Amino acid sequence: MPHAVDIHVGKQIRHRRWLIGMTQQQLAEAVGIKFQQIQKYETGANRVSASRLWDIADALDVDISFFFDGLSKEASGGSALPAEIITDKEALDLVRSYYAIPENQRRRLFDLARVLSEVA
């Protein structure tokens, strides 16, 4: 049975890959492995070595700590993101679009969304 940390790291790899619109094949090619290995990492079936995680972080353009964000919450039975958000195509498209916006404009959009949510 996979360890909870391996499952969490795999989910983080998958979520980031989805957010930036990268396929398993593209990620595999970027780190020099087969896409089947990415599948195994993403499900937690195989543990990701430190050096491979470093390469994946580079390919996904995140700091290595990203893969461990929210870990204590998930390990205690919670989840970093509600399941309905993770599986909702509209939500994923929204997040991808959000990150495609230049950072200074993205900050303004975020502030607007926060204000709108407070008055809703």
C-alpha atoms as a PDB file:
ATOM      1  CA  MET A   1       0.000   0.000   0.000  1.00  0.00           C
ATOM      2  CA  PRO A   2       1.437   3.404  -0.960  1.00  0.00           C
ATOM      3  CA  HIS A   3       2.561   5.762   1.790  1.00  0.00           C
ATOM      4  CA  ALA A   4       0.375   8.865   2.329  1.00  0.00           C
ATOM      5  CA  VAL A   5       3.331  11.141   1.503  1.00  0.00           C
ATOM      6  CA  ASP A   6       3.930   9.392  -1.835  1.00  0.00           C
ATOM      7  CA  ILE A   7       0.245   9.780  -2.705  1.00  0.00           C
ATOM      8  CA  HIS A   8       0.313  13.467  -1.754  1.00  0.00           C
ATOM      9  CA  VAL A   9       3.457  14.164  -3.797  1.00  0.00           C
ATOM     10  CA  GLY A  10       1.923  12.337  -6.766  1.00  0.00           C
ATOM     11  CA  LYS A  11      -1.254  14.420  -6.514  1.00  0.00           C
ATOM     12  CA  GLN A  12       0.806  17.591  -6.411  1.00  0.00           C
ATOM     13  CA  ILE A  13       2.710  16.518  -9.533  1.00  0.00           C
ATOM     14  CA  ARG A  14      -0.551  15.772 -11.352  1.00  0.00           C
ATOM     15  CA  HIS A  15      -2.240  19.012 -10.257  1.00  0.00           C
ATOM     16  CA  ARG A  16       0.659  21.203 -11.320  1.00  0.00           C
ATOM     17  CA  ARG A  17       0.975  19.351 -14.624  1.00  0.00           C
ATOM     18  CA  TRP A  18      -2.743  19.882 -15.290  1.00  0.00           C
ATOM     19  CA  LEU A  19      -2.560  23.540 -14.290  1.00  0.00           C
ATOM     20  CA  ILE A  20       0.115  24.308 -16.830  1.00  0.00           C
ATOM     21  CA  GLY A  21      -1.472  22.125 -19.505  1.00  0.00           C
ATOM     22  CA  MET A  22       1.370  19.619 -19.744  1.00  0.00           C
ATOM     23  CA  THR A  23       0.780  15.992 -20.701  1.00  0.00           C
ATOM     24  CA  GLN A  24       2.348  13.041 -18.927  1.00  0.00           C
ATOM     25  CA  GLN A  25       4.357  12.392 -22.090  1.00  0.00           C
ATOM     26  CA  GLN A  26       5.713  15.957 -22.132  1.00  0.00           C
ATOM     27  CA  LEU A  27       6.712  15.778 -18.481  1.00  0.00           C
ATOM     28  CA  ALA A  28       8.315  12.377 -18.987  1.00  0.00           C
ATOM     29  CA  GLU A  29      10.353  13.674 -21.919  1.00  0.00           C
ATOM     30  CA  ALA A  30      11.424  16.727 -19.910  1.00  0.00           C
ATOM     31  CA  VAL A  31      12.855  14.527 -17.140  1.00  0.00           C
ATOM     32  CA  GLY A  32      14.108  11.696 -19.351  1.00  0.00           C
ATOM     33  CA  ILE A  33      11.788   8.858 -18.363  1.00  0.00           C
ATOM     34  CA  LYS A  34       8.790   6.962 -19.798  1.00  0.00           C
ATOM     35  CA  PHE A  35       5.297   8.400 -19.345  1.00  0.00           C
ATOM     36  CA  GLN A  36       4.248   5.206 -17.548  1.00  0.00           C
ATOM     37  CA  GLN A  37       6.640   6.161 -14.754  1.00  0.00           C
ATOM     38  CA  ILE A  38       4.912   9.546 -14.439  1.00  0.00           C
ATOM     39  CA  GLN A  39       1.607   7.664 -14.138  1.00  0.00           C
ATOM     40  CA  LYS A  40       3.037   5.585 -11.304  1.00  0.00           C
ATOM     41  CA  TYR A  41       4.383   8.688  -9.538  1.00  0.00           C
ATOM     42  CA  GLU A  42       1.048  10.473  -9.855  1.00  0.00           C
ATOM     43  CA  THR A  43      -0.877   7.601  -8.283  1.00  0.00           C
ATOM     44  CA  GLY A  44       1.686   7.080  -5.533  1.00  0.00           C
ATOM     45  CA  ALA A  45       2.354   3.541  -6.756  1.00  0.00           C
ATOM     46  CA  ASN A  46       6.055   4.415  -7.102  1.00  0.00           C
ATOM     47  CA  ARG A  47       8.005   6.661  -4.782  1.00  0.00           C
ATOM     48  CA  VAL A  48       9.768   9.622  -6.420  1.00  0.00           C
ATOM     49  CA  SER A  49      13.468   9.848  -5.587  1.00  0.00           C
ATOM     50  CA  ALA A  50      14.891  13.175  -4.418  1.00  0.00           C
ATOM     51  CA  SER A  51      16.861  13.735  -7.631  1.00  0.00           C
ATOM     52  CA  ARG A  52      13.866  12.863  -9.824  1.00  0.00           C
ATOM     53  CA  LEU A  53      11.628  15.171  -7.774  1.00  0.00           C
ATOM     54  CA  TRP A  54      14.194  17.921  -8.307  1.00  0.00           C
ATOM     55  CA  ASP A  55      14.005  17.348 -12.080  1.00  0.00           C
ATOM     56  CA  ILE A  56      10.197  17.286 -12.016  1.00  0.00           C
ATOM     57  CA  ALA A  57      10.097  20.534 -10.022  1.00  0.00           C
ATOM     58  CA  ASP A  58      12.344  22.125 -12.641  1.00  0.00           C
ATOM     59  CA  ALA A  59      10.184  20.850 -15.509  1.00  0.00           C
ATOM     60  CA  LEU A  60       6.991  22.065 -13.802  1.00  0.00           C
ATOM     61  CA  ASP A  61       8.590  25.389 -12.830  1.00  0.00           C
ATOM     62  CA  VAL A  62       7.915  25.111  -9.101  1.00  0.00           C
ATOM     63  CA  ASP A  63      10.021  25.083  -5.967  1.00  0.00           C
ATOM     64  CA  ILE A  64      10.557  21.595  -4.591  1.00  0.00           C
ATOM     65  CA  SER A  65       8.613  22.528  -1.454  1.00  0.00           C
ATOM     66  CA  PHE A  66       5.480  22.802  -3.628  1.00  0.00           C
ATOM     67  CA  PHE A  67       5.135  19.028  -3.597  1.00  0.00           C
ATOM     68  CA  PHE A  68       4.832  19.013   0.193  1.00  0.00           C
ATOM     69  CA  ASP A  69       2.449  21.966   0.563  1.00  0.00           C
ATOM     70  CA  GLY A  70      -0.628  20.977   2.546  1.00  0.00           C
ATOM     71  CA  LEU A  71       0.866  17.630   3.515  1.00  0.00           C
ATOM     72  CA  SER A  72       0.071  17.760   7.215  1.00  0.00           C
ATOM     73  CA  LYS A  73      -3.534  18.679   6.418  1.00  0.00           C
ATOM     74  CA  GLU A  74      -3.906  15.777   3.992  1.00  0.00           C
ATOM     75  CA  ALA A  75      -2.126  13.309   6.273  1.00  0.00           C
ATOM     76  CA  SER A  76      -4.667  14.106   9.000  1.00  0.00           C
ATOM     77  CA  GLY A  77      -7.523  13.123   6.711  1.00  0.00           C
ATOM     78  CA  GLY A  78      -8.176  16.479   5.048  1.00  0.00           C
ATOM     79  CA  SER A  79      -7.424  17.459   1.488  1.00  0.00           C
ATOM     80  CA  ALA A  80      -5.472  20.352   0.003  1.00  0.00           C
ATOM     81  CA  LEU A  81      -8.349  20.968  -2.451  1.00  0.00           C
ATOM     82  CA  PRO A  82     -11.921  19.694  -2.357  1.00  0.00           C
ATOM     83  CA  ALA A  83     -12.393  16.760  -4.736  1.00  0.00           C
ATOM     84  CA  GLU A  84     -15.089  18.555  -6.708  1.00  0.00           C
ATOM     85  CA  ILE A  85     -12.631  21.325  -7.619  1.00  0.00           C
ATOM     86  CA  ILE A  86      -9.917  18.902  -8.650  1.00  0.00           C
ATOM     87  CA  THR A  87     -12.252  17.025 -10.995  1.00  0.00           C
ATOM     88  CA  ASP A  88     -14.238  20.033 -12.277  1.00  0.00           C
ATOM     89  CA  LYS A  89     -13.076  20.862 -15.819  1.00  0.00           C
ATOM     90  CA  GLU A  90     -14.397  24.428 -15.557  1.00  0.00           C
ATOM     91  CA  ALA A  91     -12.438  25.020 -12.342  1.00  0.00           C
ATOM     92  CA  LEU A  92      -9.239  23.643 -13.881  1.00  0.00           C
ATOM     93  CA  ASP A  93      -9.726  25.769 -17.013  1.00  0.00           C
ATOM     94  CA  LEU A  94     -10.259  28.820 -14.817  1.00  0.00           C
ATOM     95  CA  VAL A  95      -7.066  28.169 -12.885  1.00  0.00           C
ATOM     96  CA  ARG A  96      -5.072  27.585 -16.091  1.00  0.00           C
ATOM     97  CA  SER A  97      -6.411  30.819 -17.540  1.00  0.00           C
ATOM     98  CA  TYR A  98      -5.633  32.665 -14.318  1.00  0.00           C
ATOM     99  CA  TYR A  99      -1.991  31.598 -14.396  1.00  0.00           C
ATOM    100  CA  ALA A 100      -1.715  32.583 -18.058  1.00  0.00           C
ATOM    101  CA  ILE A 101      -2.378  36.219 -17.089  1.00  0.00           C
ATOM    102  CA  PRO A 102       0.715  38.388 -16.382  1.00  0.00           C
ATOM    103  CA  GLU A 103       1.423  38.560 -12.656  1.00  0.00           C
ATOM    104  CA  ASN A 104       0.608  42.249 -12.108  1.00  0.00           C
ATOM    105  CA  GLN A 105      -2.783  41.858 -13.834  1.00  0.00           C
ATOM    106  CA  ARG A 106      -3.371  38.547 -12.077  1.00  0.00           C
ATOM    107  CA  ARG A 107      -2.958  40.298  -8.708  1.00  0.00           C
ATOM    108  CA  ARG A 108      -5.587  42.865  -9.656  1.00  0.00           C
ATOM    109  CA  LEU A 109      -7.958  40.123 -10.814  1.00  0.00           C
ATOM    110  CA  PHE A 110      -7.435  38.266  -7.555  1.00  0.00           C
ATOM    111  CA  ASP A 111      -8.250  41.397  -5.547  1.00  0.00           C
ATOM    112  CA  LEU A 112     -11.416  41.912  -7.613  1.00  0.00           C
ATOM    113  CA  ALA A 113     -12.489  38.284  -7.072  1.00  0.00           C
ATOM    114  CA  ARG A 114     -11.950  38.631  -3.329  1.00  0.00           C
ATOM    115  CA  VAL A 115     -14.115  41.771  -3.180  1.00  0.00           C
ATOM    116  CA  LEU A 116     -16.845  40.124  -5.272  1.00  0.00           C
ATOM    117  CA  SER A 117     -16.871  37.033  -3.044  1.00  0.00           C
ATOM    118  CA  GLU A 118     -17.264  39.185   0.059  1.00  0.00           C
ATOM    119  CA  VAL A 119     -20.374  40.929  -1.288  1.00  0.00           C
ATOM    120  CA  ALA A 120     -21.972  37.777  -2.716  1.00  0.00           C
END
